[in-house]
PDB file of N, CA and C in Angstrom:
ATOM      1  N   MET A   1     -56.645 -35.000 -53.551  1.00  0.00           N
ATOM      2  CA  MET A   1     -57.045 -35.160 -52.290  1.00  0.00           C
ATOM      3  C   MET A   1     -57.537 -34.020 -51.528  1.00  0.00           C
ATOM      4  N   THR A   2     -58.082 -34.341 -50.495  1.00  0.00           N
ATOM      5  CA  THR A   2     -58.668 -33.210 -49.560  1.00  0.00           C
ATOM      6  C   THR A   2     -57.480 -32.702 -48.696  1.00  0.00           C
ATOM      7  N   LYS A   3     -57.243 -31.201 -48.808  1.00  0.00           N
ATOM      8  CA  LYS A   3     -56.332 -30.798 -47.986  1.00  0.00           C
ATOM      9  C   LYS A   3     -56.686 -30.783 -46.392  1.00  0.00           C
ATOM     10  N   ARG A   4     -55.976 -31.345 -45.570  1.00  0.00           N
ATOM     11  CA  ARG A   4     -56.243 -31.527 -44.203  1.00  0.00           C
ATOM     12  C   ARG A   4     -55.814 -30.431 -43.384  1.00  0.00           C
ATOM     13  N   GLU A   5     -56.874 -29.657 -42.923  1.00  0.00           N
ATOM     14  CA  GLU A   5     -56.641 -28.394 -42.106  1.00  0.00           C
ATOM     15  C   GLU A   5     -57.352 -28.435 -41.001  1.00  0.00           C
ATOM     16  N   ARG A   6     -56.530 -27.889 -39.934  1.00  0.00           N
ATOM     17  CA  ARG A   6     -57.196 -28.032 -38.534  1.00  0.00           C
ATOM     18  C   ARG A   6     -58.217 -26.736 -38.447  1.00  0.00           C
ATOM     19  N   LEU A   7     -59.515 -26.834 -38.354  1.00  0.00           N
ATOM     20  CA  LEU A   7     -60.368 -25.825 -38.021  1.00  0.00           C
ATOM     21  C   LEU A   7     -61.133 -25.803 -36.743  1.00  0.00           C
ATOM     22  N   PRO A   8     -61.595 -24.709 -36.238  1.00  0.00           N
ATOM     23  CA  PRO A   8     -61.367 -23.226 -36.714  1.00  0.00           C
ATOM     24  C   PRO A   8     -59.930 -23.037 -36.392  1.00  0.00           C
ATOM     25  N   ARG A   9     -59.285 -22.127 -37.270  1.00  0.00           N
ATOM     26  CA  ARG A   9     -57.970 -21.580 -37.054  1.00  0.00           C
ATOM     27  C   ARG A   9     -57.846 -20.772 -35.911  1.00  0.00           C
ATOM     28  N   SER A  10     -56.612 -20.880 -35.326  1.00  0.00           N
ATOM     29  CA  SER A  10     -56.303 -19.909 -34.272  1.00  0.00           C
ATOM     30  C   SER A  10     -56.031 -18.508 -34.750  1.00  0.00           C
ATOM     31  N   GLU A  11     -56.371 -17.675 -33.639  1.00  0.00           N
ATOM     32  CA  GLU A  11     -56.121 -16.188 -34.108  1.00  0.00           C
ATOM     33  C   GLU A  11     -54.761 -15.796 -34.649  1.00  0.00           C
ATOM     34  N   ALA A  12     -53.631 -16.411 -34.019  1.00  0.00           N
ATOM     35  CA  ALA A  12     -52.235 -16.077 -34.541  1.00  0.00           C
ATOM     36  C   ALA A  12     -52.178 -16.609 -36.077  1.00  0.00           C
ATOM     37  N   GLU A  13     -52.593 -17.781 -36.207  1.00  0.00           N
ATOM     38  CA  GLU A  13     -52.603 -18.347 -37.583  1.00  0.00           C
ATOM     39  C   GLU A  13     -53.432 -17.581 -38.552  1.00  0.00           C
ATOM     40  N   LEU A  14     -54.388 -16.980 -38.260  1.00  0.00           N
ATOM     41  CA  LEU A  14     -55.295 -15.980 -39.175  1.00  0.00           C
ATOM     42  C   LEU A  14     -54.509 -14.806 -39.350  1.00  0.00           C
ATOM     43  N   GLU A  15     -53.880 -14.231 -38.268  1.00  0.00           N
ATOM     44  CA  GLU A  15     -53.027 -13.117 -38.505  1.00  0.00           C
ATOM     45  C   GLU A  15     -51.812 -13.336 -39.453  1.00  0.00           C
ATOM     46  N   GLU A  16     -51.190 -14.497 -39.258  1.00  0.00           N
ATOM     47  CA  GLU A  16     -50.053 -14.788 -40.109  1.00  0.00           C
ATOM     48  C   GLU A  16     -50.419 -14.920 -41.560  1.00  0.00           C
ATOM     49  N   LEU A  17     -51.519 -15.718 -41.684  1.00  0.00           N
ATOM     50  CA  LEU A  17     -52.199 -15.821 -43.176  1.00  0.00           C
ATOM     51  C   LEU A  17     -52.449 -14.339 -43.688  1.00  0.00           C
ATOM     52  N   ALA A  18     -53.079 -13.547 -43.089  1.00  0.00           N
ATOM     53  CA  ALA A  18     -53.366 -12.180 -43.398  1.00  0.00           C
ATOM     54  C   ALA A  18     -52.088 -11.420 -43.772  1.00  0.00           C
ATOM     55  N   THR A  19     -51.222 -11.464 -43.075  1.00  0.00           N
ATOM     56  CA  THR A  19     -50.024 -10.798 -43.090  1.00  0.00           C
ATOM     57  C   THR A  19     -49.247 -11.285 -44.502  1.00  0.00           C
ATOM     58  N   TYR A  20     -49.303 -12.733 -44.629  1.00  0.00           N
ATOM     59  CA  TYR A  20     -48.593 -13.199 -45.722  1.00  0.00           C
ATOM     60  C   TYR A  20     -49.302 -12.941 -47.199  1.00  0.00           C
ATOM     61  N   TYR A  21     -50.568 -12.940 -47.130  1.00  0.00           N
ATOM     62  CA  TYR A  21     -51.324 -12.447 -48.334  1.00  0.00           C
ATOM     63  C   TYR A  21     -51.447 -11.277 -48.574  1.00  0.00           C
ATOM     64  N   GLY A  22     -51.194 -10.344 -47.514  1.00  0.00           N
ATOM     65  CA  GLY A  22     -51.261  -9.029 -47.535  1.00  0.00           C
ATOM     66  C   GLY A  22     -49.870  -8.351 -48.183  1.00  0.00           C
ATOM     67  N   GLU A  23     -48.908  -9.243 -48.067  1.00  0.00           N
ATOM     68  CA  GLU A  23     -47.638  -8.733 -48.487  1.00  0.00           C
ATOM     69  C   GLU A  23     -46.896  -9.461 -49.738  1.00  0.00           C
ATOM     70  N   THR A  24     -47.503 -10.516 -50.065  1.00  0.00           N
ATOM     71  CA  THR A  24     -47.141 -11.420 -50.937  1.00  0.00           C
ATOM     72  C   THR A  24     -48.149 -11.438 -52.475  1.00  0.00           C
ATOM     73  N   ASP A  25     -47.597 -11.220 -53.704  1.00  0.00           N
ATOM     74  CA  ASP A  25     -48.288 -11.337 -54.916  1.00  0.00           C
ATOM     75  C   ASP A  25     -48.319 -12.654 -55.340  1.00  0.00           C
ATOM     76  N   THR A  26     -49.630 -13.056 -55.312  1.00  0.00           N
ATOM     77  CA  THR A  26     -49.954 -14.492 -55.659  1.00  0.00           C
ATOM     78  C   THR A  26     -50.401 -14.682 -57.080  1.00  0.00           C
ATOM     79  N   ALA A  27     -50.317 -13.577 -57.797  1.00  0.00           N
ATOM     80  CA  ALA A  27     -50.873 -13.708 -59.236  1.00  0.00           C
ATOM     81  C   ALA A  27     -49.952 -14.654 -60.237  1.00  0.00           C
ATOM     82  N   GLU A  28     -48.553 -14.665 -59.809  1.00  0.00           N
ATOM     83  CA  GLU A  28     -47.847 -15.636 -60.645  1.00  0.00           C
ATOM     84  C   GLU A  28     -48.152 -16.936 -60.539  1.00  0.00           C
ATOM     85  N   GLU A  29     -48.563 -17.441 -59.190  1.00  0.00           N
ATOM     86  CA  GLU A  29     -49.047 -18.589 -58.878  1.00  0.00           C
ATOM     87  C   GLU A  29     -50.365 -19.018 -59.659  1.00  0.00           C
ATOM     88  N   MET A  30     -51.164 -18.069 -59.750  1.00  0.00           N
ATOM     89  CA  MET A  30     -52.453 -18.416 -60.449  1.00  0.00           C
ATOM     90  C   MET A  30     -52.228 -18.573 -61.899  1.00  0.00           C
ATOM     91  N   ASP A  31     -51.174 -17.707 -62.517  1.00  0.00           N
ATOM     92  CA  ASP A  31     -51.160 -17.717 -63.898  1.00  0.00           C
ATOM     93  C   ASP A  31     -50.428 -19.083 -64.268  1.00  0.00           C
ATOM     94  N   ARG A  32     -49.525 -19.378 -63.399  1.00  0.00           N
ATOM     95  CA  ARG A  32     -48.605 -20.591 -63.777  1.00  0.00           C
ATOM     96  C   ARG A  32     -49.156 -21.975 -64.120  1.00  0.00           C
ATOM     97  N   ASP A  33     -50.292 -22.160 -63.424  1.00  0.00           N
ATOM     98  CA  ASP A  33     -51.149 -23.450 -63.672  1.00  0.00           C
ATOM     99  C   ASP A  33     -52.341 -23.253 -64.258  1.00  0.00           C
ATOM    100  N   GLY A  34     -52.652 -22.086 -64.701  1.00  0.00           N
ATOM    101  CA  GLY A  34     -53.906 -21.872 -65.588  1.00  0.00           C
ATOM    102  C   GLY A  34     -54.996 -21.618 -64.707  1.00  0.00           C
ATOM    103  N   VAL A  35     -56.223 -21.710 -65.126  1.00  0.00           N
ATOM    104  CA  VAL A  35     -57.384 -21.616 -64.342  1.00  0.00           C
ATOM    105  C   VAL A  35     -57.757 -22.753 -63.274  1.00  0.00           C
ATOM    106  N   TRP A  36     -57.916 -22.351 -62.154  1.00  0.00           N
ATOM    107  CA  TRP A  36     -58.118 -23.542 -61.001  1.00  0.00           C
ATOM    108  C   TRP A  36     -59.659 -23.684 -60.975  1.00  0.00           C
ATOM    109  N   VAL A  37     -60.019 -24.804 -61.380  1.00  0.00           N
ATOM    110  CA  VAL A  37     -61.325 -25.133 -61.300  1.00  0.00           C
ATOM    111  C   VAL A  37     -61.477 -26.743 -60.642  1.00  0.00           C
ATOM    112  N   GLU A  38     -62.324 -26.686 -59.536  1.00  0.00           N
ATOM    113  CA  GLU A  38     -62.634 -27.710 -58.805  1.00  0.00           C
ATOM    114  C   GLU A  38     -63.622 -28.675 -59.569  1.00  0.00           C
ATOM    115  N   PRO A  39     -63.564 -29.977 -59.618  1.00  0.00           N
ATOM    116  CA  PRO A  39     -64.646 -30.740 -60.281  1.00  0.00           C
ATOM    117  C   PRO A  39     -65.940 -30.606 -59.479  1.00  0.00           C
ATOM    118  N   PRO A  40     -66.949 -30.457 -60.306  1.00  0.00           N
ATOM    119  CA  PRO A  40     -68.297 -30.189 -59.436  1.00  0.00           C
ATOM    120  C   PRO A  40     -68.569 -31.366 -58.418  1.00  0.00           C
ATOM    121  N   MET A  41     -68.931 -30.983 -57.265  1.00  0.00           N
ATOM    122  CA  MET A  41     -69.371 -31.845 -56.271  1.00  0.00           C
ATOM    123  C   MET A  41     -70.856 -32.346 -56.405  1.00  0.00           C
ATOM    124  N   VAL A  42     -71.209 -33.352 -55.996  1.00  0.00           N
ATOM    125  CA  VAL A  42     -72.674 -33.887 -55.825  1.00  0.00           C
ATOM    126  C   VAL A  42     -72.947 -34.240 -54.363  1.00  0.00           C
ATOM    127  N   THR A  43     -74.147 -34.303 -54.259  1.00  0.00           N
ATOM    128  CA  THR A  43     -74.597 -34.754 -52.848  1.00  0.00           C
ATOM    129  C   THR A  43     -75.132 -36.142 -52.826  1.00  0.00           C
ATOM    130  N   THR A  44     -74.896 -37.036 -52.121  1.00  0.00           N
ATOM    131  CA  THR A  44     -75.556 -38.444 -52.141  1.00  0.00           C
ATOM    132  C   THR A  44     -75.822 -38.718 -50.580  1.00  0.00           C
ATOM    133  N   SER A  45     -76.746 -39.579 -50.573  1.00  0.00           N
ATOM    134  CA  SER A  45     -77.090 -40.119 -49.279  1.00  0.00           C
ATOM    135  C   SER A  45     -76.663 -41.611 -49.220  1.00  0.00           C
ATOM    136  N   LEU A  46     -75.934 -42.011 -48.091  1.00  0.00           N
ATOM    137  CA  LEU A  46     -75.358 -43.334 -47.942  1.00  0.00           C
ATOM    138  C   LEU A  46     -75.768 -43.829 -46.505  1.00  0.00           C
ATOM    139  N   ARG A  47     -76.548 -45.048 -46.437  1.00  0.00           N
ATOM    140  CA  ARG A  47     -76.940 -45.690 -45.340  1.00  0.00           C
ATOM    141  C   ARG A  47     -75.826 -46.571 -44.689  1.00  0.00           C
ATOM    142  N   LEU A  48     -75.120 -46.410 -43.508  1.00  0.00           N
ATOM    143  CA  LEU A  48     -74.100 -47.043 -43.030  1.00  0.00           C
ATOM    144  C   LEU A  48     -74.312 -47.794 -41.797  1.00  0.00           C
ATOM    145  N   PRO A  49     -73.960 -48.656 -41.358  1.00  0.00           N
ATOM    146  CA  PRO A  49     -74.128 -49.161 -40.103  1.00  0.00           C
ATOM    147  C   PRO A  49     -73.629 -48.290 -38.908  1.00  0.00           C
ATOM    148  N   LYS A  50     -74.378 -48.126 -38.051  1.00  0.00           N
ATOM    149  CA  LYS A  50     -73.840 -47.154 -36.823  1.00  0.00           C
ATOM    150  C   LYS A  50     -72.410 -47.297 -36.382  1.00  0.00           C
ATOM    151  N   PRO A  51     -72.024 -48.435 -36.111  1.00  0.00           N
ATOM    152  CA  PRO A  51     -70.566 -48.645 -35.508  1.00  0.00           C
ATOM    153  C   PRO A  51     -69.631 -48.072 -36.575  1.00  0.00           C
ATOM    154  N   LEU A  52     -69.967 -48.421 -38.006  1.00  0.00           N
ATOM    155  CA  LEU A  52     -69.097 -48.078 -39.103  1.00  0.00           C
ATOM    156  C   LEU A  52     -69.021 -46.644 -39.114  1.00  0.00           C
ATOM    157  N   MET A  53     -70.182 -45.878 -39.060  1.00  0.00           N
ATOM    158  CA  MET A  53     -70.108 -44.330 -39.150  1.00  0.00           C
ATOM    159  C   MET A  53     -69.581 -43.860 -37.950  1.00  0.00           C
ATOM    160  N   ASP A  54     -69.529 -44.558 -36.689  1.00  0.00           N
ATOM    161  CA  ASP A  54     -68.913 -43.940 -35.605  1.00  0.00           C
ATOM    162  C   ASP A  54     -67.430 -43.962 -35.691  1.00  0.00           C
ATOM    163  N   ALA A  55     -66.850 -45.264 -36.100  1.00  0.00           N
ATOM    164  CA  ALA A  55     -65.480 -45.460 -36.573  1.00  0.00           C
ATOM    165  C   ALA A  55     -65.082 -44.441 -37.511  1.00  0.00           C
ATOM    166  N   ILE A  56     -65.686 -44.060 -38.568  1.00  0.00           N
ATOM    167  CA  ILE A  56     -65.151 -43.093 -39.744  1.00  0.00           C
ATOM    168  C   ILE A  56     -65.190 -41.651 -38.796  1.00  0.00           C
ATOM    169  N   ARG A  57     -66.049 -41.405 -38.083  1.00  0.00           N
ATOM    170  CA  ARG A  57     -66.200 -40.088 -37.355  1.00  0.00           C
ATOM    171  C   ARG A  57     -64.928 -39.897 -36.509  1.00  0.00           C
ATOM    172  N   ALA A  58     -64.692 -41.050 -35.722  1.00  0.00           N
ATOM    173  CA  ALA A  58     -63.539 -41.133 -34.762  1.00  0.00           C
ATOM    174  C   ALA A  58     -62.182 -40.905 -35.566  1.00  0.00           C
ATOM    175  N   LYS A  59     -62.003 -41.766 -36.673  1.00  0.00           N
ATOM    176  CA  LYS A  59     -60.755 -41.707 -37.592  1.00  0.00           C
ATOM    177  C   LYS A  59     -60.644 -40.104 -38.018  1.00  0.00           C
ATOM    178  N   ALA A  60     -61.714 -39.643 -38.660  1.00  0.00           N
ATOM    179  CA  ALA A  60     -61.792 -38.217 -39.002  1.00  0.00           C
ATOM    180  C   ALA A  60     -61.223 -37.406 -38.132  1.00  0.00           C
ATOM    181  N   GLY A  61     -61.986 -37.458 -36.874  1.00  0.00           N
ATOM    182  CA  GLY A  61     -61.646 -36.491 -35.594  1.00  0.00           C
ATOM    183  C   GLY A  61     -60.065 -36.696 -35.322  1.00  0.00           C
ATOM    184  N   GLU A  62     -59.630 -37.929 -35.443  1.00  0.00           N
ATOM    185  CA  GLU A  62     -58.127 -37.847 -35.125  1.00  0.00           C
ATOM    186  C   GLU A  62     -57.294 -37.205 -36.339  1.00  0.00           C
ATOM    187  N   GLN A  63     -57.663 -37.049 -37.412  1.00  0.00           N
ATOM    188  CA  GLN A  63     -57.000 -36.455 -38.486  1.00  0.00           C
ATOM    189  C   GLN A  63     -57.407 -34.894 -38.690  1.00  0.00           C
ATOM    190  N   HIS A  64     -58.323 -34.594 -37.767  1.00  0.00           N
ATOM    191  CA  HIS A  64     -58.866 -33.182 -37.745  1.00  0.00           C
ATOM    192  C   HIS A  64     -59.421 -32.710 -39.055  1.00  0.00           C
ATOM    193  N   ILE A  65     -60.199 -33.698 -39.636  1.00  0.00           N
ATOM    194  CA  ILE A  65     -60.984 -33.390 -41.023  1.00  0.00           C
ATOM    195  C   ILE A  65     -62.434 -33.825 -40.755  1.00  0.00           C
ATOM    196  N   ARG A  66     -63.380 -33.419 -41.537  1.00  0.00           N
ATOM    197  CA  ARG A  66     -64.763 -33.858 -41.406  1.00  0.00           C
ATOM    198  C   ARG A  66     -64.813 -35.098 -41.881  1.00  0.00           C
ATOM    199  N   HIS A  67     -65.865 -36.023 -41.411  1.00  0.00           N
ATOM    200  CA  HIS A  67     -65.909 -37.417 -41.808  1.00  0.00           C
ATOM    201  C   HIS A  67     -66.316 -37.633 -43.208  1.00  0.00           C
ATOM    202  N   THR A  68     -67.029 -36.496 -43.890  1.00  0.00           N
ATOM    203  CA  THR A  68     -67.182 -36.533 -45.454  1.00  0.00           C
ATOM    204  C   THR A  68     -65.934 -36.531 -46.208  1.00  0.00           C
ATOM    205  N   ALA A  69     -65.088 -35.670 -45.667  1.00  0.00           N
ATOM    206  CA  ALA A  69     -63.741 -35.388 -46.314  1.00  0.00           C
ATOM    207  C   ALA A  69     -63.027 -36.706 -46.271  1.00  0.00           C
ATOM    208  N   LEU A  70     -62.967 -37.445 -44.986  1.00  0.00           N
ATOM    209  CA  LEU A  70     -62.144 -38.796 -45.010  1.00  0.00           C
ATOM    210  C   LEU A  70     -62.874 -39.805 -45.966  1.00  0.00           C
ATOM    211  N   MET A  71     -64.268 -39.918 -45.978  1.00  0.00           N
ATOM    212  CA  MET A  71     -64.800 -40.847 -46.824  1.00  0.00           C
ATOM    213  C   MET A  71     -64.340 -40.495 -48.315  1.00  0.00           C
ATOM    214  N   ARG A  72     -64.263 -39.279 -48.753  1.00  0.00           N
ATOM    215  CA  ARG A  72     -64.163 -38.789 -49.987  1.00  0.00           C
ATOM    216  C   ARG A  72     -62.659 -39.259 -50.390  1.00  0.00           C
ATOM    217  N   ASP A  73     -61.695 -39.068 -49.367  1.00  0.00           N
ATOM    218  CA  ASP A  73     -60.164 -39.437 -49.499  1.00  0.00           C
ATOM    219  C   ASP A  73     -60.292 -40.952 -49.846  1.00  0.00           C
ATOM    220  N   ILE A  74     -60.934 -41.796 -48.901  1.00  0.00           N
ATOM    221  CA  ILE A  74     -60.772 -43.067 -48.974  1.00  0.00           C
ATOM    222  C   ILE A  74     -61.303 -43.740 -50.335  1.00  0.00           C
ATOM    223  N   LEU A  75     -62.316 -43.084 -50.822  1.00  0.00           N
ATOM    224  CA  LEU A  75     -62.951 -43.503 -52.333  1.00  0.00           C
ATOM    225  C   LEU A  75     -62.043 -43.047 -53.356  1.00  0.00           C
ATOM    226  N   THR A  76     -61.409 -41.910 -53.209  1.00  0.00           N
ATOM    227  CA  THR A  76     -60.560 -41.276 -54.102  1.00  0.00           C
ATOM    228  C   THR A  76     -59.412 -42.289 -54.276  1.00  0.00           C
ATOM    229  N   ALA A  77     -58.925 -42.586 -52.981  1.00  0.00           N
ATOM    230  CA  ALA A  77     -57.579 -43.656 -52.975  1.00  0.00           C
ATOM    231  C   ALA A  77     -58.045 -44.959 -53.697  1.00  0.00           C
ATOM    232  N   TRP A  78     -59.235 -45.447 -53.416  1.00  0.00           N
ATOM    233  CA  TRP A  78     -59.640 -46.740 -53.724  1.00  0.00           C
ATOM    234  C   TRP A  78     -59.569 -46.768 -55.469  1.00  0.00           C
ATOM    235  N   PHE A  79     -60.212 -45.845 -56.067  1.00  0.00           N
ATOM    236  CA  PHE A  79     -60.414 -45.668 -57.383  1.00  0.00           C
ATOM    237  C   PHE A  79     -59.320 -45.295 -58.020  1.00  0.00           C
ATOM    238  N   SER A  80     -58.142 -44.699 -57.233  1.00  0.00           N
ATOM    239  CA  SER A  80     -57.045 -44.424 -58.183  1.00  0.00           C
ATOM    240  C   SER A  80     -55.986 -45.516 -58.078  1.00  0.00           C
ATOM    241  N   SER A  81     -56.216 -46.423 -57.254  1.00  0.00           N
ATOM    242  CA  SER A  81     -55.201 -47.496 -56.852  1.00  0.00           C
ATOM    243  C   SER A  81     -55.472 -48.623 -57.936  1.00  0.00           C
ATOM    244  N   ASP A  82     -54.676 -49.726 -57.861  1.00  0.00           N
ATOM    245  CA  ASP A  82     -54.550 -50.971 -58.593  1.00  0.00           C
ATOM    246  C   ASP A  82     -55.793 -51.733 -57.969  1.00  0.00           C
ATOM    247  N   GLN A  83     -56.841 -51.915 -58.616  1.00  0.00           N
ATOM    248  CA  GLN A  83     -58.086 -52.673 -58.036  1.00  0.00           C
ATOM    249  C   GLN A  83     -58.136 -54.249 -58.437  1.00  0.00           C
ATOM    250  N   THR A  84     -57.133 -54.697 -57.999  1.00  0.00           N
ATOM    251  CA  THR A  84     -57.117 -56.219 -58.445  1.00  0.00           C
ATOM    252  C   THR A  84     -58.232 -56.995 -57.883  1.00  0.00           C
ATOM    253  N   GLN A  85     -59.139 -57.732 -58.517  1.00  0.00           N
ATOM    254  CA  GLN A  85     -60.287 -58.338 -58.152  1.00  0.00           C
ATOM    255  C   GLN A  85     -59.905 -59.702 -57.510  1.00  0.00           C
ATOM    256  N   PRO A  86     -60.748 -60.095 -56.471  1.00  0.00           N
ATOM    257  CA  PRO A  86     -60.409 -61.512 -55.864  1.00  0.00           C
ATOM    258  C   PRO A  86     -60.274 -62.663 -56.792  1.00  0.00           C
ATOM    259  N   SER A  87     -61.152 -62.550 -57.877  1.00  0.00           N
ATOM    260  CA  SER A  87     -61.127 -63.651 -58.879  1.00  0.00           C
ATOM    261  C   SER A  87     -59.673 -63.687 -59.797  1.00  0.00           C
ATOM    262  N   GLU A  88     -59.125 -62.422 -60.023  1.00  0.00           N
ATOM    263  CA  GLU A  88     -57.926 -62.352 -60.541  1.00  0.00           C
ATOM    264  C   GLU A  88     -56.827 -62.967 -59.656  1.00  0.00           C
ATOM    265  N   ILE A  89     -57.004 -62.668 -58.435  1.00  0.00           N
ATOM    266  CA  ILE A  89     -55.844 -63.209 -57.459  1.00  0.00           C
ATOM    267  C   ILE A  89     -55.985 -64.661 -57.382  1.00  0.00           C
ATOM    268  N   ILE A  90     -57.005 -65.292 -57.298  1.00  0.00           N
ATOM    269  CA  ILE A  90     -57.242 -66.610 -57.249  1.00  0.00           C
ATOM    270  C   ILE A  90     -56.829 -67.256 -58.577  1.00  0.00           C
ATOM    271  N   ASP A  91     -56.989 -66.662 -59.774  1.00  0.00           N
ATOM    272  CA  ASP A  91     -56.484 -67.183 -61.051  1.00  0.00           C
ATOM    273  C   ASP A  91     -55.021 -67.140 -60.982  1.00  0.00           C
ATOM    274  N   ARG A  92     -54.330 -66.160 -60.411  1.00  0.00           N
ATOM    275  CA  ARG A  92     -52.852 -65.963 -60.496  1.00  0.00           C
ATOM    276  C   ARG A  92     -52.264 -66.964 -59.377  1.00  0.00           C
ATOM    277  N   LEU A  93     -53.013 -67.393 -58.428  1.00  0.00           N
ATOM    278  CA  LEU A  93     -52.503 -68.211 -57.294  1.00  0.00           C
ATOM    279  C   LEU A  93     -52.550 -69.796 -57.904  1.00  0.00           C
ATOM    280  N   GLU A  94     -53.795 -69.968 -58.622  1.00  0.00           N
ATOM    281  CA  GLU A  94     -53.948 -71.317 -59.493  1.00  0.00           C
ATOM    282  C   GLU A  94     -52.698 -71.528 -60.346  1.00  0.00           C
ATOM    283  N   ARG A  95     -52.362 -70.495 -61.280  1.00  0.00           N
ATOM    284  CA  ARG A  95     -51.351 -70.649 -62.093  1.00  0.00           C
ATOM    285  C   ARG A  95     -50.117 -70.913 -61.518  1.00  0.00           C
ATOM    286  N   ILE A  96     -49.787 -70.285 -60.465  1.00  0.00           N
ATOM    287  CA  ILE A  96     -48.591 -70.603 -59.665  1.00  0.00           C
ATOM    288  C   ILE A  96     -48.569 -71.816 -59.078  1.00  0.00           C
ATOM    289  N   GLU A  97     -49.648 -72.311 -58.467  1.00  0.00           N
ATOM    290  CA  GLU A  97     -49.314 -73.687 -57.946  1.00  0.00           C
ATOM    291  C   GLU A  97     -49.365 -74.871 -59.127  1.00  0.00           C
ATOM    292  N   ARG A  98     -49.934 -74.512 -60.144  1.00  0.00           N
ATOM    293  CA  ARG A  98     -49.838 -75.428 -61.248  1.00  0.00           C
ATOM    294  C   ARG A  98     -48.423 -75.576 -61.716  1.00  0.00           C
ATOM    295  N   LEU A  99     -47.736 -74.292 -62.064  1.00  0.00           N
ATOM    296  CA  LEU A  99     -46.429 -74.080 -62.323  1.00  0.00           C
ATOM    297  C   LEU A  99     -45.493 -74.992 -61.247  1.00  0.00           C
ATOM    298  N   ILE A 100     -45.784 -74.789 -59.948  1.00  0.00           N
ATOM    299  CA  ILE A 100     -45.062 -75.376 -59.062  1.00  0.00           C
ATOM    300  C   ILE A 100     -45.061 -76.963 -58.921  1.00  0.00           C
ATOM    301  N   SER A 101     -46.299 -77.435 -59.149  1.00  0.00           N
ATOM    302  CA  SER A 101     -46.543 -78.936 -59.272  1.00  0.00           C
ATOM    303  C   SER A 101     -45.961 -79.382 -60.648  1.00  0.00           C
ATOM    304  N   GLU A 102     -46.068 -78.742 -61.741  1.00  0.00           N
ATOM    305  CA  GLU A 102     -45.431 -79.222 -62.903  1.00  0.00           C
ATOM    306  C   GLU A 102     -43.927 -79.292 -62.783  1.00  0.00           C
ATOM    307  N   ASP A 103     -43.199 -78.294 -62.091  1.00  0.00           N
ATOM    308  CA  ASP A 103     -41.879 -78.387 -61.724  1.00  0.00           C
ATOM    309  C   ASP A 103     -41.391 -79.363 -60.855  1.00  0.00           C
ATOM    310  N   ARG A 104     -42.118 -79.710 -59.863  1.00  0.00           N
ATOM    311  CA  ARG A 104     -41.836 -80.839 -58.843  1.00  0.00           C
ATOM    312  C   ARG A 104     -41.914 -82.215 -59.611  1.00  0.00           C
ATOM    313  N   LYS A 105     -42.893 -82.414 -60.634  1.00  0.00           N
ATOM    314  CA  LYS A 105     -43.051 -83.625 -61.287  1.00  0.00           C
ATOM    315  C   LYS A 105     -41.903 -83.687 -62.279  1.00  0.00           C
ATOM    316  N   ALA A 106     -41.490 -82.747 -63.040  1.00  0.00           N
ATOM    317  CA  ALA A 106     -40.364 -82.540 -63.798  1.00  0.00           C
ATOM    318  C   ALA A 106     -39.041 -82.879 -63.279  1.00  0.00           C
ATOM    319  N   GLY A 107     -38.833 -82.296 -62.062  1.00  0.00           N
ATOM    320  CA  GLY A 107     -37.527 -82.370 -61.318  1.00  0.00           C
ATOM    321  C   GLY A 107     -37.459 -83.656 -60.375  1.00  0.00           C
TER     322      GLY A 107
END
């Protein structure tokens, strides 16, 4: 997921980061996990209704991230979650209803 950072950074925060990285050896962190390679990004064009785009931009603004990062987060969460299809839910519901009906007839 995208790291949520408030941009631009304050001068005090930049000084704090400069001090930290000026005094801290991060070589061990780099070696510990191996090579850090981000997956390649591709550019895409997406036509959305204006009210939807406005809502995405507003939500991204609340989280202090860019709207593209928010959309990437949403898509990543969607594809990494259990994507039960509506037809599967209907099938499950029909099986449950059938079992309840059979149980009532038997009881």
